[in-house]
Amino acid sequence: MMNSKDEIRILEIDQLARDSVRDFKFKRALFKKLTSDPSRIFKAILGPRGVGKTVLLQQILLETKDSIYIAADSLDRDTDLFEVVKFLNEKYGYKSYFIDEIHFNKNYQQALKNIFDFLNIRLF
């Protein structure tokens, strides 16, 4: 179960993420590639620091219905991301999750496996 403090933080950061990219008109070529195939359930963006991964993720978020942005580095390292996604899906009905800085989470590999195995959602 997710505590209300984490829930509020996630919802606030989601709104900040959306607001921060509303005026960014330029979209990288990868934007079209990542948004053109809605059937793919899991999509990952990899690359060195400072190349625009977060901005790209947030731009896709803005154009994706029933979606939420989660900054994993704003949560405790031990937070169970599977439980977070499951809770948000059940309470708010989000279908697409944009998890940034996922490597900050201690058990992200297991969480990703559980999300893929048990939840019917899209994950970026």
N, C-alpha and C. Protein backbone atom coordinates (compact mmCIF):
# COMPACT_ATOMS: atom_id res chain seq x y z
N MET A 1 0.85 -1.20 0.00
CA MET A 1 0.00 0.00 0.00
C MET A 1 0.88 1.25 0.00
N MET A 2 0.46 2.23 -0.73
CA MET A 2 1.21 3.48 -0.81
C MET A 2 0.68 4.46 0.23
N ASN A 3 1.60 5.18 0.89
CA ASN A 3 1.14 6.15 1.87
C ASN A 3 0.70 7.43 1.18
N SER A 4 -0.11 8.21 1.88
CA SER A 4 -0.71 9.42 1.28
C SER A 4 0.34 10.47 0.95
N LYS A 5 1.44 10.51 1.70
CA LYS A 5 2.51 11.47 1.43
C LYS A 5 3.13 11.19 0.05
N ASP A 6 3.42 9.91 -0.24
CA ASP A 6 3.97 9.55 -1.56
C ASP A 6 2.96 9.80 -2.67
N GLU A 7 1.69 9.51 -2.40
CA GLU A 7 0.64 9.73 -3.39
C GLU A 7 0.57 11.21 -3.77
N ILE A 8 0.56 12.07 -2.78
CA ILE A 8 0.50 13.52 -3.04
C ILE A 8 1.73 13.98 -3.79
N ARG A 9 2.91 13.49 -3.39
CA ARG A 9 4.16 13.88 -4.07
C ARG A 9 4.13 13.45 -5.53
N ILE A 10 3.68 12.24 -5.81
CA ILE A 10 3.61 11.75 -7.19
C ILE A 10 2.66 12.62 -8.01
N LEU A 11 1.49 12.93 -7.47
CA LEU A 11 0.52 13.75 -8.21
C LEU A 11 1.05 15.17 -8.45
N GLU A 12 1.76 15.73 -7.47
CA GLU A 12 2.33 17.07 -7.63
C GLU A 12 3.43 17.08 -8.69
N ILE A 13 4.31 16.08 -8.64
CA ILE A 13 5.40 16.02 -9.61
C ILE A 13 4.87 15.77 -11.01
N ASP A 14 3.83 14.96 -11.12
CA ASP A 14 3.20 14.73 -12.42
C ASP A 14 2.74 16.07 -13.01
N GLN A 15 2.09 16.89 -12.22
CA GLN A 15 1.61 18.18 -12.71
C GLN A 15 2.77 19.10 -13.08
N LEU A 16 3.81 19.12 -12.26
CA LEU A 16 5.00 19.93 -12.56
C LEU A 16 5.66 19.47 -13.86
N ALA A 17 5.72 18.17 -14.08
CA ALA A 17 6.32 17.62 -15.30
C ALA A 17 5.53 18.08 -16.52
N ARG A 18 4.22 18.02 -16.43
CA ARG A 18 3.37 18.45 -17.55
C ARG A 18 3.56 19.94 -17.83
N ASP A 19 3.55 20.74 -16.77
CA ASP A 19 3.69 22.18 -16.93
C ASP A 19 5.05 22.57 -17.51
N SER A 20 6.09 21.82 -17.15
CA SER A 20 7.44 22.20 -17.55
C SER A 20 7.70 22.03 -19.05
N VAL A 21 6.91 21.21 -19.74
CA VAL A 21 7.19 20.98 -21.17
C VAL A 21 6.09 21.48 -22.10
N ARG A 22 5.09 22.12 -21.56
CA ARG A 22 3.98 22.60 -22.42
C ARG A 22 4.44 23.52 -23.55
N ASP A 23 5.45 24.31 -23.29
CA ASP A 23 5.90 25.28 -24.28
C ASP A 23 7.04 24.77 -25.16
N PHE A 24 7.49 23.55 -24.97
CA PHE A 24 8.55 22.97 -25.80
C PHE A 24 7.93 22.49 -27.10
N LYS A 25 8.15 23.21 -28.17
CA LYS A 25 7.56 22.84 -29.46
C LYS A 25 8.42 21.83 -30.21
N PHE A 26 9.75 21.91 -30.03
CA PHE A 26 10.65 21.00 -30.73
C PHE A 26 10.51 19.59 -30.17
N LYS A 27 10.39 18.62 -31.08
CA LYS A 27 10.32 17.22 -30.68
C LYS A 27 11.36 16.44 -31.49
N ARG A 28 12.13 15.65 -30.80
CA ARG A 28 13.15 14.82 -31.45
C ARG A 28 12.49 13.75 -32.33
N ALA A 29 13.26 13.21 -33.27
CA ALA A 29 12.75 12.17 -34.17
C ALA A 29 12.27 10.95 -33.38
N LEU A 30 12.89 10.68 -32.27
CA LEU A 30 12.51 9.53 -31.45
C LEU A 30 11.08 9.67 -30.91
N PHE A 31 10.60 10.90 -30.78
CA PHE A 31 9.23 11.13 -30.31
C PHE A 31 8.23 10.40 -31.20
N LYS A 32 8.35 10.58 -32.50
CA LYS A 32 7.42 9.96 -33.44
C LYS A 32 7.52 8.43 -33.39
N LYS A 33 8.75 7.94 -33.28
CA LYS A 33 8.95 6.49 -33.24
C LYS A 33 8.31 5.89 -31.98
N LEU A 34 8.47 6.54 -30.85
CA LEU A 34 7.93 6.02 -29.60
C LEU A 34 6.41 6.12 -29.51
N THR A 35 5.83 7.08 -30.21
CA THR A 35 4.38 7.27 -30.13
C THR A 35 3.62 6.60 -31.28
N SER A 36 4.34 6.08 -32.26
CA SER A 36 3.66 5.54 -33.44
C SER A 36 3.13 4.12 -33.27
N ASP A 37 3.59 3.39 -32.27
CA ASP A 37 3.15 2.01 -32.09
C ASP A 37 2.53 1.83 -30.70
N PRO A 38 1.22 2.07 -30.58
CA PRO A 38 0.58 1.98 -29.27
C PRO A 38 0.44 0.55 -28.75
N SER A 39 0.71 -0.44 -29.60
CA SER A 39 0.56 -1.82 -29.16
C SER A 39 1.72 -2.29 -28.28
N ARG A 40 2.84 -1.63 -28.37
CA ARG A 40 3.98 -2.02 -27.53
C ARG A 40 3.71 -1.61 -26.10
N ILE A 41 3.82 -2.54 -25.19
CA ILE A 41 3.45 -2.30 -23.80
C ILE A 41 4.57 -1.62 -23.02
N PHE A 42 5.80 -2.05 -23.21
CA PHE A 42 6.94 -1.48 -22.49
C PHE A 42 7.88 -0.81 -23.49
N LYS A 43 8.28 0.42 -23.17
CA LYS A 43 9.23 1.14 -24.01
C LYS A 43 10.26 1.78 -23.08
N ALA A 44 11.52 1.71 -23.47
CA ALA A 44 12.59 2.28 -22.65
C ALA A 44 13.38 3.30 -23.46
N ILE A 45 13.81 4.34 -22.78
CA ILE A 45 14.66 5.36 -23.38
C ILE A 45 15.97 5.34 -22.60
N LEU A 46 17.03 5.01 -23.30
CA LEU A 46 18.35 4.92 -22.68
C LEU A 46 19.28 5.94 -23.31
N GLY A 47 20.21 6.46 -22.51
CA GLY A 47 21.19 7.38 -23.05
C GLY A 47 21.93 8.09 -21.95
N PRO A 48 23.01 8.78 -22.32
CA PRO A 48 23.80 9.50 -21.33
C PRO A 48 23.05 10.69 -20.74
N ARG A 49 23.57 11.19 -19.63
CA ARG A 49 22.96 12.35 -18.97
C ARG A 49 22.92 13.56 -19.91
N GLY A 50 21.84 14.32 -19.78
CA GLY A 50 21.77 15.60 -20.47
C GLY A 50 21.38 15.58 -21.93
N VAL A 51 20.93 14.44 -22.45
CA VAL A 51 20.58 14.39 -23.88
C VAL A 51 19.10 14.65 -24.14
N GLY A 52 18.29 14.78 -23.09
CA GLY A 52 16.88 15.12 -23.28
C GLY A 52 15.89 13.98 -23.04
N LYS A 53 16.31 12.94 -22.36
CA LYS A 53 15.40 11.80 -22.11
C LYS A 53 14.19 12.22 -21.29
N THR A 54 14.40 13.01 -20.25
CA THR A 54 13.29 13.43 -19.39
C THR A 54 12.31 14.31 -20.15
N VAL A 55 12.82 15.25 -20.93
CA VAL A 55 11.94 16.12 -21.72
C VAL A 55 11.14 15.29 -22.71
N LEU A 56 11.79 14.35 -23.37
CA LEU A 56 11.10 13.48 -24.33
C LEU A 56 9.99 12.68 -23.63
N LEU A 57 10.32 12.13 -22.49
CA LEU A 57 9.33 11.37 -21.72
C LEU A 57 8.14 12.25 -21.35
N GLN A 58 8.40 13.46 -20.91
CA GLN A 58 7.33 14.37 -20.51
C GLN A 58 6.51 14.84 -21.71
N GLN A 59 7.14 15.01 -22.86
CA GLN A 59 6.39 15.39 -24.06
C GLN A 59 5.44 14.28 -24.48
N ILE A 60 5.89 13.05 -24.40
CA ILE A 60 5.02 11.92 -24.74
C ILE A 60 3.88 11.84 -23.73
N LEU A 61 4.20 12.06 -22.46
CA LEU A 61 3.19 12.08 -21.39
C LEU A 61 2.05 13.03 -21.73
N LEU A 62 2.39 14.23 -22.18
CA LEU A 62 1.38 15.24 -22.48
C LEU A 62 0.38 14.78 -23.54
N GLU A 63 0.83 13.94 -24.44
CA GLU A 63 -0.03 13.49 -25.53
C GLU A 63 -0.62 12.10 -25.31
N THR A 64 -0.48 11.59 -24.09
CA THR A 64 -0.97 10.25 -23.79
C THR A 64 -2.11 10.33 -22.78
N LYS A 65 -3.25 9.83 -23.19
CA LYS A 65 -4.45 9.84 -22.35
C LYS A 65 -4.27 8.89 -21.16
N ASP A 66 -4.89 9.21 -20.03
CA ASP A 66 -4.88 8.36 -18.83
C ASP A 66 -3.46 7.99 -18.42
N SER A 67 -2.60 8.99 -18.31
CA SER A 67 -1.19 8.73 -18.02
C SER A 67 -0.72 9.53 -16.80
N ILE A 68 0.39 9.07 -16.22
CA ILE A 68 0.99 9.75 -15.09
C ILE A 68 2.50 9.62 -15.15
N TYR A 69 3.18 10.67 -14.68
CA TYR A 69 4.64 10.72 -14.62
C TYR A 69 5.07 10.42 -13.19
N ILE A 70 6.01 9.50 -13.04
CA ILE A 70 6.55 9.15 -11.73
C ILE A 70 8.05 9.37 -11.77
N ALA A 71 8.55 10.25 -10.92
CA ALA A 71 9.99 10.48 -10.79
C ALA A 71 10.49 9.54 -9.69
N ALA A 72 11.09 8.43 -10.09
CA ALA A 72 11.51 7.43 -9.11
C ALA A 72 12.55 7.98 -8.14
N ASP A 73 13.30 8.98 -8.55
CA ASP A 73 14.30 9.56 -7.65
C ASP A 73 13.67 10.45 -6.58
N SER A 74 12.37 10.70 -6.65
CA SER A 74 11.70 11.48 -5.61
C SER A 74 11.07 10.58 -4.55
N LEU A 75 11.13 9.27 -4.77
CA LEU A 75 10.58 8.30 -3.82
C LEU A 75 11.72 7.66 -3.03
N ASP A 76 11.36 7.03 -1.93
CA ASP A 76 12.34 6.28 -1.16
C ASP A 76 12.89 5.14 -2.02
N ARG A 77 14.17 4.85 -1.90
CA ARG A 77 14.81 3.79 -2.69
C ARG A 77 14.12 2.44 -2.55
N ASP A 78 13.50 2.20 -1.40
CA ASP A 78 12.87 0.91 -1.13
C ASP A 78 11.39 0.86 -1.53
N THR A 79 10.88 1.93 -2.11
CA THR A 79 9.48 1.96 -2.53
C THR A 79 9.22 0.84 -3.52
N ASP A 80 8.14 0.13 -3.33
CA ASP A 80 7.76 -0.96 -4.25
C ASP A 80 7.01 -0.34 -5.43
N LEU A 81 7.70 -0.20 -6.56
CA LEU A 81 7.09 0.43 -7.74
C LEU A 81 5.90 -0.35 -8.26
N PHE A 82 5.92 -1.66 -8.11
CA PHE A 82 4.76 -2.46 -8.51
C PHE A 82 3.53 -2.03 -7.71
N GLU A 83 3.67 -1.89 -6.41
CA GLU A 83 2.55 -1.48 -5.56
C GLU A 83 2.09 -0.06 -5.89
N VAL A 84 3.03 0.82 -6.21
CA VAL A 84 2.69 2.19 -6.58
C VAL A 84 1.84 2.20 -7.85
N VAL A 85 2.30 1.49 -8.88
CA VAL A 85 1.58 1.44 -10.16
C VAL A 85 0.22 0.77 -9.97
N LYS A 86 0.19 -0.32 -9.24
CA LYS A 86 -1.07 -1.02 -8.98
C LYS A 86 -2.07 -0.11 -8.25
N PHE A 87 -1.60 0.60 -7.22
CA PHE A 87 -2.45 1.52 -6.47
C PHE A 87 -3.01 2.63 -7.37
N LEU A 88 -2.13 3.26 -8.14
CA LEU A 88 -2.56 4.37 -9.01
C LEU A 88 -3.51 3.89 -10.10
N ASN A 89 -3.30 2.67 -10.58
CA ASN A 89 -4.19 2.10 -11.58
C ASN A 89 -5.57 1.85 -10.99
N GLU A 90 -5.60 1.29 -9.79
CA GLU A 90 -6.89 0.98 -9.15
C GLU A 90 -7.62 2.24 -8.70
N LYS A 91 -6.89 3.22 -8.14
CA LYS A 91 -7.55 4.41 -7.60
C LYS A 91 -7.90 5.44 -8.68
N TYR A 92 -7.00 5.66 -9.64
CA TYR A 92 -7.19 6.73 -10.62
C TYR A 92 -7.45 6.23 -12.04
N GLY A 93 -7.22 4.97 -12.31
CA GLY A 93 -7.47 4.42 -13.63
C GLY A 93 -6.41 4.75 -14.67
N TYR A 94 -5.22 5.16 -14.24
CA TYR A 94 -4.16 5.44 -15.20
C TYR A 94 -3.81 4.18 -15.97
N LYS A 95 -3.61 4.32 -17.26
CA LYS A 95 -3.28 3.20 -18.13
C LYS A 95 -1.84 3.25 -18.65
N SER A 96 -1.23 4.44 -18.62
CA SER A 96 0.16 4.60 -19.09
C SER A 96 0.97 5.27 -17.99
N TYR A 97 2.16 4.70 -17.73
CA TYR A 97 3.03 5.18 -16.66
C TYR A 97 4.37 5.55 -17.24
N PHE A 98 4.82 6.76 -16.90
CA PHE A 98 6.09 7.29 -17.36
C PHE A 98 7.00 7.37 -16.14
N ILE A 99 7.85 6.37 -15.98
CA ILE A 99 8.71 6.31 -14.80
C ILE A 99 10.10 6.78 -15.20
N ASP A 100 10.49 7.92 -14.65
CA ASP A 100 11.78 8.52 -14.93
C ASP A 100 12.76 8.17 -13.81
N GLU A 101 14.02 8.04 -14.17
CA GLU A 101 15.09 7.74 -13.20
C GLU A 101 14.81 6.45 -12.43
N ILE A 102 14.31 5.45 -13.13
CA ILE A 102 13.90 4.19 -12.50
C ILE A 102 15.07 3.49 -11.79
N HIS A 103 16.28 3.72 -12.27
CA HIS A 103 17.45 3.08 -11.68
C HIS A 103 17.70 3.51 -10.23
N PHE A 104 17.04 4.58 -9.77
CA PHE A 104 17.17 5.01 -8.38
C PHE A 104 16.43 4.06 -7.43
N ASN A 105 15.51 3.29 -7.96
CA ASN A 105 14.75 2.34 -7.15
C ASN A 105 15.55 1.06 -6.96
N LYS A 106 15.64 0.62 -5.72
CA LYS A 106 16.48 -0.52 -5.37
C LYS A 106 16.08 -1.82 -6.08
N ASN A 107 14.81 -2.07 -6.22
CA ASN A 107 14.34 -3.34 -6.79
C ASN A 107 13.56 -3.13 -8.08
N TYR A 108 14.02 -2.20 -8.91
CA TYR A 108 13.23 -1.88 -10.10
C TYR A 108 13.10 -3.05 -11.07
N GLN A 109 14.11 -3.93 -11.15
CA GLN A 109 14.02 -5.04 -12.08
C GLN A 109 12.85 -5.97 -11.73
N GLN A 110 12.72 -6.29 -10.44
CA GLN A 110 11.63 -7.16 -10.00
C GLN A 110 10.28 -6.45 -10.18
N ALA A 111 10.25 -5.16 -9.89
CA ALA A 111 9.01 -4.39 -10.05
C ALA A 111 8.56 -4.41 -11.52
N LEU A 112 9.50 -4.22 -12.44
CA LEU A 112 9.17 -4.24 -13.87
C LEU A 112 8.62 -5.60 -14.29
N LYS A 113 9.23 -6.66 -13.81
CA LYS A 113 8.75 -7.99 -14.13
C LYS A 113 7.33 -8.19 -13.61
N ASN A 114 7.08 -7.79 -12.37
CA ASN A 114 5.75 -7.95 -11.79
C ASN A 114 4.71 -7.09 -12.51
N ILE A 115 5.08 -5.88 -12.88
CA ILE A 115 4.17 -5.01 -13.62
C ILE A 115 3.81 -5.67 -14.95
N PHE A 116 4.82 -6.16 -15.66
CA PHE A 116 4.59 -6.81 -16.95
C PHE A 116 3.72 -8.06 -16.80
N ASP A 117 3.99 -8.85 -15.76
CA ASP A 117 3.28 -10.12 -15.57
C ASP A 117 1.84 -9.95 -15.09
N PHE A 118 1.56 -8.93 -14.27
CA PHE A 118 0.29 -8.89 -13.57
C PHE A 118 -0.61 -7.68 -13.85
N LEU A 119 -0.09 -6.64 -14.48
CA LEU A 119 -0.90 -5.44 -14.70
C LEU A 119 -1.06 -5.17 -16.19
N ASN A 120 -2.24 -4.77 -16.58
CA ASN A 120 -2.53 -4.47 -17.98
C ASN A 120 -2.37 -2.97 -18.20
N ILE A 121 -1.12 -2.54 -18.28
CA ILE A 121 -0.81 -1.13 -18.46
C ILE A 121 0.31 -0.97 -19.49
N ARG A 122 0.56 0.29 -19.88
CA ARG A 122 1.71 0.62 -20.74
C ARG A 122 2.73 1.33 -19.86
N LEU A 123 3.99 1.04 -20.11
CA LEU A 123 5.05 1.61 -19.28
C LEU A 123 6.14 2.18 -20.16
N PHE A 124 6.48 3.43 -19.88
CA PHE A 124 7.61 4.10 -20.55
C PHE A 124 8.68 4.33 -19.50
